[in-house]
Protein backbone atom coordinates (compact mmCIF):
# COMPACT_ATOMS: atom_id res chain seq x y z
CA MET A 1 15.41 -106.09 -96.79
CA SER A 2 13.56 -106.28 -99.63
CA ILE A 3 11.34 -103.23 -100.89
CA TYR A 4 8.21 -105.13 -100.70
CA SER A 5 9.07 -106.04 -96.80
CA ALA A 6 9.96 -102.35 -95.94
CA LEU A 7 6.71 -101.14 -97.59
CA ASN A 8 4.59 -103.90 -95.43
CA SER A 9 6.55 -103.06 -92.57
CA ALA A 10 5.91 -99.16 -92.98
CA MET A 11 2.49 -99.71 -93.46
CA SER A 12 1.79 -102.11 -90.44
CA GLY A 13 3.87 -98.88 -88.82
CA LEU A 14 1.36 -96.28 -90.12
CA THR A 15 -1.57 -98.36 -89.25
CA ALA A 16 0.10 -98.72 -85.26
CA ALA A 17 0.53 -94.92 -85.30
CA SER A 18 -3.08 -94.24 -86.35
CA ARG A 19 -4.65 -96.33 -83.93
CA SER A 20 -2.12 -95.47 -80.94
CA SER A 21 -3.22 -91.42 -82.19
CA GLN A 22 -7.03 -92.38 -81.62
CA ILE A 23 -6.08 -94.06 -78.17
CA VAL A 24 -4.31 -90.86 -76.99
CA SER A 25 -7.00 -88.65 -78.00
CA GLU A 26 -9.62 -90.53 -76.29
CA ASN A 27 -7.50 -90.36 -73.30
CA LEU A 28 -7.07 -87.05 -73.50
CA ALA A 29 -10.67 -86.25 -74.27
CA ASN A 30 -11.90 -88.23 -71.11
CA ALA A 31 -9.04 -86.90 -68.63
CA LEU A 32 -11.90 -85.70 -66.63
CA THR A 33 -14.76 -87.98 -67.02
CA PRO A 34 -15.64 -90.04 -63.90
CA GLY A 35 -15.25 -93.91 -64.19
CA TYR A 36 -12.76 -93.44 -67.21
CA THR A 37 -9.65 -95.97 -67.21
CA ARG A 38 -6.31 -94.86 -69.11
CA ARG A 39 -6.05 -97.21 -72.24
CA VAL A 40 -2.90 -98.35 -74.19
CA LEU A 41 -2.70 -100.10 -77.07
CA ASP A 42 -0.80 -103.46 -76.91
CA LEU A 43 2.03 -103.41 -79.99
CA ASN A 44 4.20 -106.35 -80.66
CA SER A 45 6.30 -108.03 -83.04
CA PRO A 46 4.57 -110.42 -85.81
CA GLY A 47 7.08 -112.85 -85.13
CA ALA A 48 10.30 -113.95 -85.93
CA GLY A 49 11.48 -112.91 -89.76
CA VAL A 50 8.30 -110.82 -89.94
CA PRO A 51 9.09 -107.15 -90.44
CA GLY A 52 6.49 -104.74 -88.87
CA VAL A 53 4.00 -104.17 -85.83
CA ARG A 54 1.27 -106.08 -84.92
CA VAL A 55 -1.53 -103.94 -83.13
CA GLY A 56 -3.12 -105.84 -80.44
CA HIS A 57 -6.07 -105.38 -78.11
CA VAL A 58 -6.57 -101.92 -76.26
CA GLN A 59 -5.85 -102.50 -72.78
CA ARG A 60 -6.80 -100.81 -69.68
CA LEU A 61 -4.40 -99.56 -67.20
CA ASN A 62 -5.44 -100.09 -63.70
CA ASP A 63 -4.37 -101.59 -60.24
CA PRO A 64 -7.09 -104.30 -59.10
CA VAL A 65 -5.40 -104.10 -54.92
CA VAL A 66 -6.08 -100.04 -55.22
CA ILE A 67 -9.45 -100.31 -56.77
CA SER A 68 -10.71 -103.03 -54.34
CA ASN A 69 -8.62 -101.17 -51.23
CA ARG A 70 -10.75 -97.45 -52.58
CA ARG A 71 -14.01 -99.42 -52.56
CA VAL A 72 -13.43 -100.79 -49.04
CA ALA A 73 -12.61 -97.74 -47.76
CA GLU A 74 -15.60 -96.21 -49.96
CA ALA A 75 -17.87 -98.47 -48.07
CA ASP A 76 -16.67 -97.63 -44.79
CA PHE A 77 -16.85 -94.08 -45.25
CA GLY A 78 -20.77 -94.29 -46.37
CA ALA A 79 -21.51 -96.67 -43.08
CA ALA A 80 -19.78 -94.41 -41.04
CA LYS A 81 -21.14 -90.75 -42.64
CA ALA A 82 -24.82 -92.30 -42.40
CA GLN A 83 -23.74 -92.84 -38.60
CA ALA A 84 -22.66 -89.61 -38.28
CA ASP A 85 -25.41 -87.96 -39.69
CA PHE A 86 -28.00 -89.72 -37.41
CA PHE A 87 -26.16 -89.03 -34.28
CA GLY A 88 -25.63 -85.28 -35.39
CA ARG A 89 -29.44 -84.95 -35.90
CA MET A 90 -29.90 -86.45 -32.97
CA SER A 91 -28.22 -84.20 -31.02
CA ASP A 92 -29.80 -81.19 -32.98
CA LEU A 93 -33.17 -82.57 -31.45
CA VAL A 94 -32.28 -83.35 -28.02
CA GLY A 95 -30.26 -80.06 -27.99
CA THR A 96 -26.86 -79.07 -26.13
CA VAL A 97 -26.26 -77.46 -22.97
CA ASP A 98 -25.87 -73.67 -23.96
CA ASP A 99 -29.28 -74.56 -26.05
CA GLU A 100 -32.49 -72.57 -25.00
CA MET A 101 -34.81 -75.15 -26.67
CA SER A 102 -33.44 -78.24 -25.48
CA LEU A 103 -34.55 -80.61 -22.87
CA ALA A 104 -32.56 -79.90 -20.25
CA SER A 105 -33.12 -76.19 -20.45
CA GLN A 106 -37.11 -76.78 -20.67
CA LEU A 107 -37.06 -78.78 -17.53
CA SER A 108 -34.99 -76.01 -16.09
CA GLU A 109 -37.35 -73.20 -17.09
CA PHE A 110 -40.11 -75.57 -15.71
CA GLU A 111 -38.63 -76.04 -12.39
CA SER A 112 -37.14 -72.18 -12.11
CA SER A 113 -41.25 -71.33 -12.80
CA LEU A 114 -42.21 -73.94 -10.21
CA ILE A 115 -40.08 -72.56 -7.55
CA GLU A 116 -41.47 -68.75 -8.35
CA VAL A 117 -45.17 -70.28 -7.95
CA VAL A 118 -43.98 -71.88 -4.65
CA SER A 119 -43.35 -68.27 -3.55
CA ARG A 120 -46.40 -66.63 -4.35
CA PRO A 121 -49.12 -69.70 -4.68
CA ASP A 122 -52.15 -67.15 -5.00
CA SER A 123 -50.55 -65.56 -8.30
CA GLN A 124 -52.35 -66.60 -11.06
CA PRO A 125 -49.73 -65.15 -13.83
CA ARG A 126 -47.59 -67.62 -11.84
CA LEU A 127 -50.05 -70.40 -12.04
CA ASN A 128 -50.55 -69.86 -15.83
CA ASP A 129 -46.67 -69.45 -16.40
CA LEU A 130 -46.42 -72.89 -14.96
CA SER A 131 -49.06 -74.20 -16.80
CA VAL A 132 -46.96 -72.78 -20.15
CA LYS A 133 -43.83 -73.95 -18.88
CA ALA A 134 -45.17 -77.41 -18.09
CA LYS A 135 -46.50 -77.45 -21.92
CA ALA A 136 -43.23 -76.55 -23.29
CA LEU A 137 -41.36 -79.51 -21.54
CA ALA A 138 -43.69 -82.02 -22.82
CA ASP A 139 -43.94 -80.72 -26.14
CA SER A 140 -40.21 -80.55 -26.45
CA ILE A 141 -40.00 -84.23 -25.58
CA SER A 142 -42.56 -85.46 -28.05
CA ARG A 143 -41.31 -83.44 -30.83
CA THR A 144 -37.71 -85.01 -30.17
CA ALA A 145 -39.58 -88.12 -30.00
CA GLU A 146 -41.16 -87.51 -33.53
CA GLY A 147 -38.09 -86.15 -35.02
CA LEU A 148 -36.29 -89.58 -33.83
CA ARG A 149 -39.45 -91.42 -35.70
CA GLY A 150 -38.92 -89.32 -38.50
CA LEU A 151 -35.33 -90.63 -38.41
CA ARG A 152 -36.31 -94.41 -38.54
CA VAL A 153 -38.69 -93.62 -41.16
CA ASN A 154 -35.89 -92.18 -43.54
CA ALA A 155 -33.78 -95.12 -42.72
CA ASP A 156 -36.56 -97.24 -43.82
CA SER A 157 -36.72 -95.11 -46.93
CA ALA A 158 -32.81 -95.27 -47.49
CA ILE A 159 -32.93 -99.20 -47.33
CA ASN A 160 -35.79 -99.64 -49.84
CA SER A 161 -33.84 -96.93 -52.24
CA GLN A 162 -30.58 -98.71 -51.84
CA VAL A 163 -31.90 -101.94 -52.48
CA ASN A 164 -33.76 -100.81 -55.86
CA THR A 165 -30.08 -99.36 -57.04
CA VAL A 166 -28.46 -102.44 -56.11
CA ASN A 167 -31.29 -104.78 -57.89
CA GLN A 168 -30.89 -102.62 -61.10
CA ALA A 169 -27.01 -102.09 -60.84
CA LEU A 170 -26.71 -105.97 -60.52
CA LYS A 171 -28.95 -106.32 -63.42
CA GLU A 172 -27.08 -104.02 -65.87
CA ILE A 173 -24.19 -106.04 -64.61
CA GLU A 174 -25.40 -109.12 -65.89
CA LYS A 175 -26.02 -107.83 -69.14
CA LEU A 176 -22.83 -105.99 -69.54
CA ASN A 177 -20.97 -109.78 -68.67
CA ALA A 178 -23.10 -111.14 -71.85
CA ARG A 179 -22.27 -108.07 -74.31
CA ILE A 180 -18.74 -108.43 -73.22
CA MET A 181 -18.50 -111.74 -73.75
CA VAL A 182 -19.92 -111.52 -77.43
CA VAL A 183 -17.55 -108.61 -78.27
CA GLU A 184 -14.36 -109.89 -76.99
CA ALA A 185 -15.18 -113.36 -78.86
CA GLY A 186 -15.58 -111.43 -82.18
CA GLY A 187 -12.19 -109.89 -81.50
CA MET A 188 -13.14 -106.31 -80.82
CA ASP A 189 -12.25 -104.11 -78.04
CA ALA A 190 -14.72 -103.98 -75.10
CA VAL A 191 -12.98 -101.37 -72.87
CA SER A 192 -15.64 -98.90 -72.83
CA MET A 193 -18.27 -102.02 -71.61
CA HIS A 194 -15.51 -102.83 -68.54
CA ASP A 195 -15.61 -99.45 -67.68
CA GLN A 196 -19.18 -99.07 -67.51
CA ARG A 197 -19.41 -102.05 -65.60
CA ASP A 198 -16.66 -101.00 -62.98
CA GLN A 199 -19.04 -98.24 -62.47
CA LEU A 200 -21.81 -100.34 -61.75
CA ILE A 201 -19.80 -102.08 -59.62
CA ASP A 202 -18.86 -99.20 -57.64
CA GLN A 203 -22.43 -98.50 -57.29
CA VAL A 204 -23.21 -102.09 -55.71
CA ASN A 205 -19.94 -101.48 -53.49
CA LYS A 206 -21.38 -98.29 -51.75
CA ALA A 207 -24.39 -100.22 -50.33
CA ILE A 208 -22.74 -103.83 -50.24
CA PRO A 209 -19.24 -104.02 -50.31
CA VAL A 210 -17.97 -106.71 -52.91
CA ASN A 211 -15.55 -108.72 -53.93
CA VAL A 212 -15.04 -109.29 -57.53
CA VAL A 213 -13.86 -112.31 -59.09
CA ARG A 214 -12.72 -112.58 -63.00
CA ARG A 215 -13.64 -115.33 -64.86
CA ASP A 216 -12.83 -116.33 -68.44
CA ASN A 217 -14.43 -114.43 -71.50
CA GLY A 218 -14.24 -111.07 -69.63
CA GLN A 219 -16.94 -112.16 -67.04
CA VAL A 220 -16.90 -111.06 -63.20
CA THR A 221 -18.69 -112.46 -60.42
CA LEU A 222 -19.72 -110.34 -57.22
CA TYR A 223 -19.72 -111.95 -53.79
CA SER A 224 -20.38 -109.85 -50.20
CA THR A 225 -17.59 -109.56 -47.87
CA GLY A 226 -19.29 -112.56 -45.92
CA GLY A 227 -19.92 -114.69 -48.77
CA VAL A 228 -23.55 -113.84 -50.32
CA MET A 229 -23.63 -114.22 -53.71
CA LEU A 230 -25.00 -111.41 -55.40
CA LEU A 231 -23.92 -112.27 -59.35
CA ASP A 232 -22.64 -115.51 -60.74
CA GLY A 233 -23.97 -115.84 -64.13
CA LYS A 234 -27.30 -114.51 -63.10
CA ALA A 235 -28.09 -111.55 -60.74
CA ALA A 236 -29.35 -111.93 -57.56
CA GLU A 237 -32.52 -110.12 -56.22
CA LEU A 238 -32.90 -108.61 -53.17
CA SER A 239 -36.38 -107.98 -51.76
CA PHE A 240 -37.78 -105.66 -48.71
CA ASN A 241 -41.13 -104.13 -48.07
CA PRO A 242 -40.71 -100.64 -46.75
CA SER A 243 -42.78 -99.26 -44.33
CA ARG A 244 -45.19 -96.13 -44.79
CA ASP A 245 -44.50 -94.61 -41.33
CA ILE A 246 -43.07 -96.40 -38.15
CA MET A 247 -44.21 -96.18 -34.81
CA PRO A 248 -42.07 -96.64 -31.54
CA HIS A 249 -43.41 -100.42 -31.13
CA MET A 250 -42.65 -101.69 -34.37
CA THR A 251 -39.32 -103.67 -34.79
CA VAL A 252 -38.21 -106.24 -37.44
CA GLY A 253 -38.38 -109.00 -34.12
CA ASN A 254 -42.41 -108.65 -33.93
CA GLY A 255 -42.86 -108.79 -37.45
CA MET A 256 -43.97 -105.28 -37.98
CA LEU A 257 -40.69 -104.15 -40.21
CA SER A 258 -39.42 -105.84 -42.99
CA GLY A 259 -36.07 -107.80 -43.23
CA LEU A 260 -33.82 -108.18 -46.28
CA GLU A 261 -33.76 -110.97 -48.40
CA VAL A 262 -31.70 -112.36 -51.04
CA ASN A 263 -33.14 -114.58 -53.75
CA GLY A 264 -35.81 -115.12 -51.45
CA ARG A 265 -33.76 -116.21 -48.18
CA ALA A 266 -33.65 -114.15 -45.23
CA ILE A 267 -30.29 -112.35 -44.67
CA ASP A 268 -28.45 -111.15 -41.43
CA THR A 269 -28.40 -107.50 -41.64
CA SER A 270 -26.46 -106.79 -38.54
CA PRO A 271 -23.18 -104.79 -38.84
CA ASP A 272 -21.11 -108.59 -38.32
CA GLY A 273 -23.42 -110.18 -40.87
CA PRO A 274 -22.76 -111.34 -44.60
CA LEU A 275 -23.41 -108.10 -45.77
CA ARG A 276 -21.62 -105.79 -43.41
CA GLY A 277 -19.50 -102.91 -43.89
CA GLY A 278 -21.62 -100.58 -46.50
CA THR A 279 -24.60 -98.47 -46.03
CA LEU A 280 -27.19 -100.42 -46.22
CA THR A 281 -26.21 -102.46 -42.74
CA ALA A 282 -25.76 -98.97 -41.68
CA GLN A 283 -29.12 -97.69 -42.43
CA PHE A 284 -30.82 -101.28 -40.82
CA GLU A 285 -28.30 -100.75 -37.91
CA ILE A 286 -29.86 -96.93 -37.40
CA ARG A 287 -33.65 -98.47 -37.79
CA ASP A 288 -33.62 -101.34 -35.96
CA VAL A 289 -31.02 -100.65 -33.04
CA THR A 290 -29.40 -96.90 -33.08
CA ALA A 291 -33.04 -95.37 -33.08
CA VAL A 292 -34.71 -97.91 -30.73
CA GLU A 293 -32.07 -97.58 -28.22
CA ALA A 294 -32.48 -94.06 -28.38
CA GLN A 295 -36.18 -94.20 -28.31
CA GLU A 296 -35.76 -96.15 -24.92
CA ASP A 297 -33.90 -93.10 -23.60
CA LEU A 298 -36.39 -90.74 -24.40
CA ASP A 299 -38.69 -93.01 -23.27
CA ALA A 300 -37.01 -93.27 -19.73
CA MET A 301 -37.09 -89.37 -19.23
CA ALA A 302 -40.61 -89.10 -20.19
CA ARG A 303 -41.47 -92.25 -17.97
CA ASP A 304 -39.64 -90.61 -15.38
CA LEU A 305 -40.88 -87.26 -15.72
CA ILE A 306 -44.65 -88.43 -15.64
CA GLU A 307 -44.51 -90.86 -12.86
CA ARG A 308 -42.87 -88.23 -10.53
CA PHE A 309 -46.12 -86.38 -10.52
CA GLN A 310 -48.72 -89.45 -10.56
CA ASP A 311 -47.96 -90.35 -7.43
CA PRO A 312 -51.02 -90.41 -5.03
CA SER A 313 -48.81 -89.88 -2.14
CA LEU A 314 -47.64 -86.56 -3.64
CA ASP A 315 -51.31 -85.44 -4.58
CA ALA A 316 -54.07 -86.84 -2.14
CA THR A 317 -56.61 -86.11 -5.05
CA ILE A 318 -55.31 -88.39 -7.29
CA GLY A 319 -56.87 -91.75 -7.79
CA ALA A 320 -55.06 -95.20 -8.17
CA THR A 321 -56.05 -94.67 -12.32
CA ASP A 322 -56.05 -90.81 -12.42
CA ALA A 323 -53.53 -89.23 -14.68
CA GLY A 324 -50.92 -86.42 -12.73
CA ILE A 325 -49.59 -83.06 -14.21
CA PHE A 326 -47.96 -84.93 -17.41
CA THR A 327 -50.47 -87.63 -19.19
CA ASP A 328 -49.86 -90.67 -21.69
CA ASP A 329 -51.92 -88.85 -24.18
CA GLY A 330 -54.28 -87.37 -22.01
CA GLY A 331 -54.78 -90.31 -19.86
CA PHE A 332 -53.39 -92.67 -17.10
CA PHE A 333 -49.74 -94.03 -17.78
CA ASP A 334 -49.18 -97.74 -17.19
CA ALA A 335 -45.60 -98.35 -16.77
CA ALA A 336 -46.45 -101.57 -18.94
CA ASN A 337 -46.93 -99.47 -21.77
CA THR A 338 -43.42 -97.59 -21.90
CA VAL A 339 -42.59 -97.82 -25.42
CA GLY A 340 -43.30 -94.95 -27.09
CA ILE A 341 -44.39 -92.86 -24.32
CA SER A 342 -41.93 -89.99 -25.18
CA ASN A 343 -44.28 -89.79 -28.32
CA ARG A 344 -47.27 -89.74 -26.53
CA ILE A 345 -46.71 -87.40 -23.24
CA GLU A 346 -48.92 -84.38 -22.75
CA LEU A 347 -49.84 -81.83 -19.98
CA ASN A 348 -52.88 -82.68 -18.20
CA ASP A 349 -55.74 -81.11 -19.79
CA LEU A 350 -57.51 -79.91 -16.36
CA VAL A 351 -54.47 -77.58 -16.11
CA SER A 352 -53.59 -76.56 -19.46
CA LEU A 353 -54.33 -73.52 -21.22
CA THR A 354 -55.62 -74.98 -24.51
CA GLY A 355 -57.76 -77.04 -22.27
CA SER A 356 -59.94 -76.14 -19.09
CA ALA A 357 -57.08 -73.71 -17.72
CA GLU A 358 -57.76 -74.33 -14.37
CA THR A 359 -54.11 -73.48 -13.12
CA TRP A 360 -55.39 -73.13 -9.75
CA ARG A 361 -55.45 -77.27 -9.21
CA PHE A 362 -51.61 -77.03 -9.63
CA ARG A 363 -51.75 -75.51 -5.74
CA ASP A 364 -55.11 -77.46 -4.62
CA GLY A 365 -55.00 -80.79 -6.05
CA LEU A 366 -55.33 -82.10 -9.96
CA TYR A 367 -58.85 -83.30 -9.05
CA ALA A 368 -59.89 -80.94 -6.30
CA ALA A 369 -63.58 -80.30 -5.99
CA ALA A 370 -63.22 -76.60 -5.67
CA PRO A 371 -60.17 -74.11 -5.26
CA GLY A 372 -58.85 -74.09 -1.82
CA ASP A 373 -56.34 -71.58 0.54
CA PRO A 374 -54.63 -69.75 -1.95
CA GLY A 375 -51.81 -68.88 -0.09
CA ASP A 376 -51.49 -72.68 1.03
CA SER A 377 -47.89 -73.74 -1.19
CA SER A 378 -47.35 -77.02 0.43
CA LEU A 379 -48.68 -79.22 -2.96
CA LEU A 380 -46.29 -76.98 -5.10
CA GLN A 381 -43.60 -77.28 -2.97
CA ALA A 382 -43.89 -80.85 -2.71
CA TYR A 383 -43.99 -80.84 -6.79
CA SER A 384 -40.49 -79.19 -6.36
CA ASP A 385 -39.17 -81.77 -4.15
CA ALA A 386 -40.38 -84.25 -6.34
CA LEU A 387 -38.47 -83.14 -9.20
CA ASN A 388 -34.85 -83.25 -6.84
CA THR A 389 -36.02 -86.74 -5.50
CA THR A 390 -33.54 -89.15 -6.44
CA ARG A 391 -35.47 -92.00 -8.50
CA THR A 392 -34.14 -95.39 -10.39
CA VAL A 393 -33.89 -94.90 -13.75
CA SER A 394 -32.89 -97.55 -16.51
CA SER A 395 -32.09 -97.75 -20.31
CA VAL A 396 -29.96 -99.14 -22.73
CA GLY A 397 -27.97 -95.51 -23.63
CA LEU A 398 -28.32 -93.97 -19.92
CA GLY A 399 -27.70 -97.40 -17.92
CA THR A 400 -29.18 -97.75 -14.43
CA SER A 401 -28.76 -95.37 -12.16
CA ASP A 402 -30.52 -93.21 -9.19
CA LEU A 403 -30.85 -89.73 -10.77
CA THR A 404 -32.69 -86.55 -10.43
CA ALA A 405 -34.93 -85.09 -13.27
CA SER A 406 -32.29 -82.53 -14.12
CA THR A 407 -29.55 -85.15 -13.87
CA LEU A 408 -31.22 -87.49 -16.03
CA SER A 409 -32.16 -84.69 -18.94
CA ALA A 410 -28.02 -83.36 -18.71
CA ASN A 411 -26.92 -87.27 -19.10
CA LEU A 412 -29.43 -87.35 -21.78
CA LEU A 413 -27.84 -84.53 -23.67
CA SER A 414 -24.45 -85.79 -22.61
CA ARG A 415 -25.26 -89.25 -24.17
CA PHE A 416 -26.35 -88.19 -27.73
CA ALA A 417 -23.33 -85.46 -27.63
CA GLN A 418 -20.60 -87.86 -26.96
CA ASP A 419 -21.91 -90.36 -29.33
CA ASN A 420 -22.18 -87.18 -32.03
CA GLU A 421 -18.78 -86.52 -31.15
CA THR A 422 -17.30 -90.11 -31.62
CA ALA A 423 -19.47 -90.69 -34.99
CA ALA A 424 -18.10 -87.25 -36.14
CA ARG A 425 -14.60 -88.68 -35.68
CA GLY A 426 -15.13 -92.25 -37.43
CA SER A 427 -16.20 -90.39 -40.11
CA ALA A 428 -13.62 -88.30 -40.53
CA PHE A 429 -11.28 -90.92 -40.01
CA ALA A 430 -13.02 -92.79 -42.91
CA ALA A 431 -13.17 -89.71 -45.07
CA THR A 432 -9.45 -89.72 -44.73
CA SER A 433 -8.87 -93.34 -45.60
CA PHE A 434 -11.19 -93.05 -48.83
CA ASN A 435 -9.74 -89.53 -50.14
CA GLU A 436 -6.25 -91.28 -49.77
CA LEU A 437 -7.12 -93.98 -51.46
CA SER A 438 -9.24 -92.29 -54.06
CA GLN A 439 -6.14 -89.97 -55.12
CA ALA A 440 -4.04 -93.10 -55.49
CA GLU A 441 -6.60 -94.63 -57.85
CA LEU A 442 -6.56 -91.09 -59.84
CA ALA A 443 -2.57 -91.31 -59.93
CA LEU A 444 -3.01 -94.11 -62.18
CA GLY A 445 -5.17 -92.25 -64.67
CA VAL A 446 -4.91 -90.06 -67.40
CA ASP A 447 -1.75 -87.73 -67.22
CA THR A 448 -2.37 -84.90 -69.71
CA ASP A 449 1.25 -84.13 -70.18
CA ALA A 450 2.57 -87.58 -70.56
CA GLU A 451 -0.42 -88.09 -72.97
CA LEU A 452 0.53 -85.29 -75.09
CA GLN A 453 4.43 -86.30 -75.03
CA ASN A 454 2.77 -89.96 -76.48
CA LEU A 455 1.13 -88.06 -79.12
CA MET A 456 4.15 -86.13 -80.10
CA LEU A 457 6.20 -89.45 -80.44
CA VAL A 458 3.02 -91.02 -82.39
CA GLU A 459 3.36 -88.14 -84.83
CA LYS A 460 7.15 -88.80 -85.20
CA TYR A 461 6.48 -92.58 -85.76
CA TYR A 462 3.79 -91.51 -88.61
CA ALA A 463 6.18 -89.19 -90.13
CA ALA A 464 8.76 -92.03 -89.99
CA ASN A 465 7.06 -94.72 -91.45
CA ALA A 466 5.24 -91.99 -94.12
CA ARG A 467 8.90 -91.23 -95.28
CA VAL A 468 9.54 -94.97 -95.55
CA ILE A 469 6.54 -95.32 -97.71
CA SER A 470 8.01 -92.09 -99.98
CA VAL A 471 11.18 -93.75 -100.40
CA VAL A 472 9.81 -96.69 -101.39
CA ASP A 473 7.70 -94.83 -103.98
CA GLU A 474 10.90 -93.42 -104.99
CA LEU A 475 12.71 -96.50 -105.57
CA MET A 476 9.62 -98.04 -107.51
CA GLU A 477 9.45 -95.53 -109.82
CA THR A 478 13.06 -95.32 -110.29
CA LEU A 479 13.18 -99.21 -111.14
CA LEU A 480 10.03 -98.55 -113.64
CA ARG A 481 12.19 -96.23 -115.61
CA ILE A 482 15.27 -98.22 -115.99
């Protein structure tokens, strides 16, 4: 090897060592930075007969299969957690068996008060207590229904927020695609831009699971699991119109709630639809299916309770269109207007202590002209018997069965407790899968011990090449002195 070749070889070695130390330093500095991918420098021979080392591009070390599986698990976990959060909240709203404020407990309190007043129909305090317990029962049902309505509003708001996030992320990915192409076409490294783009893809993936297709010039194309194009050169645009408030009767089917459009085309948002698997379709499922079914169950309980005491054969003073003890927003309940009755149920103003407070009407008839025999408990006994009479109740969640009032309330609590338990187990399983795959991805990240070892090797390479240059310098000086 000539002196000139040795000098060129050492100089290229110093350049490679300098660039390698920079890469190792970046890895160490960003070991805990979210979204950072470990880098290595591509070093190879310049070619046959050419001494030295050729410094190539910086490469990102990641495993596309691990990343893809982690994204699937992350989207599944987000969807499962959304469902678990909904059912957990619903279970809190209806209460549990040992909860004094649960629907079943409130009904039991009302029934106990009714039994007590049967034994002393002349007792004004007991009649007043019956009014208090009846109002507490009606209020607990309407309060639960209003809580459910709030959960639907929250789901609608979450959909709007996620649509905005996805739109913004897709626009940013579109811009990064263009920048990466320009930078790499100029022979420069764009690894930081690749990291940034991957983080944006993760944002989209949480809401809508995506398939990433690599294109030429560092470009990527994004499709949903079901084949909806999200980014192919130009970003797709998702459209959704949020609602300020959602009443029980409002659905996508009757056009009173917004669906989702992609580039102006309506998209199926069901769990089996083309956007399936992420938090976006999970929130649509909560708003349009799960919460609607829960509303139907609550309405079934409210309807059953109202109809048990709105029967003219039970209280002869009640007319065909007169409200019973429990009312539809103060008036007569029409079975044709069942949707949302759990939100509207109220205690009849005639016997409410916040209304006319004529609690003797429990004993003598709601629409009696005047108080009757204070010792007559026949109507009160009929009320008690009505609670324990089996009636056919039908809803999606509860099925169709002949139930007493107490059995119906117990079934309602059991239904949401079971759904909550099932959803919690599903969420825990999804979380475990996501955590395991996240750990597998992190294992491919920066190992500080290994990077420090690499830095020590780079230091040796640098010293070796520096020594070659020093020797060449000494040889040159020797030659010049001759």
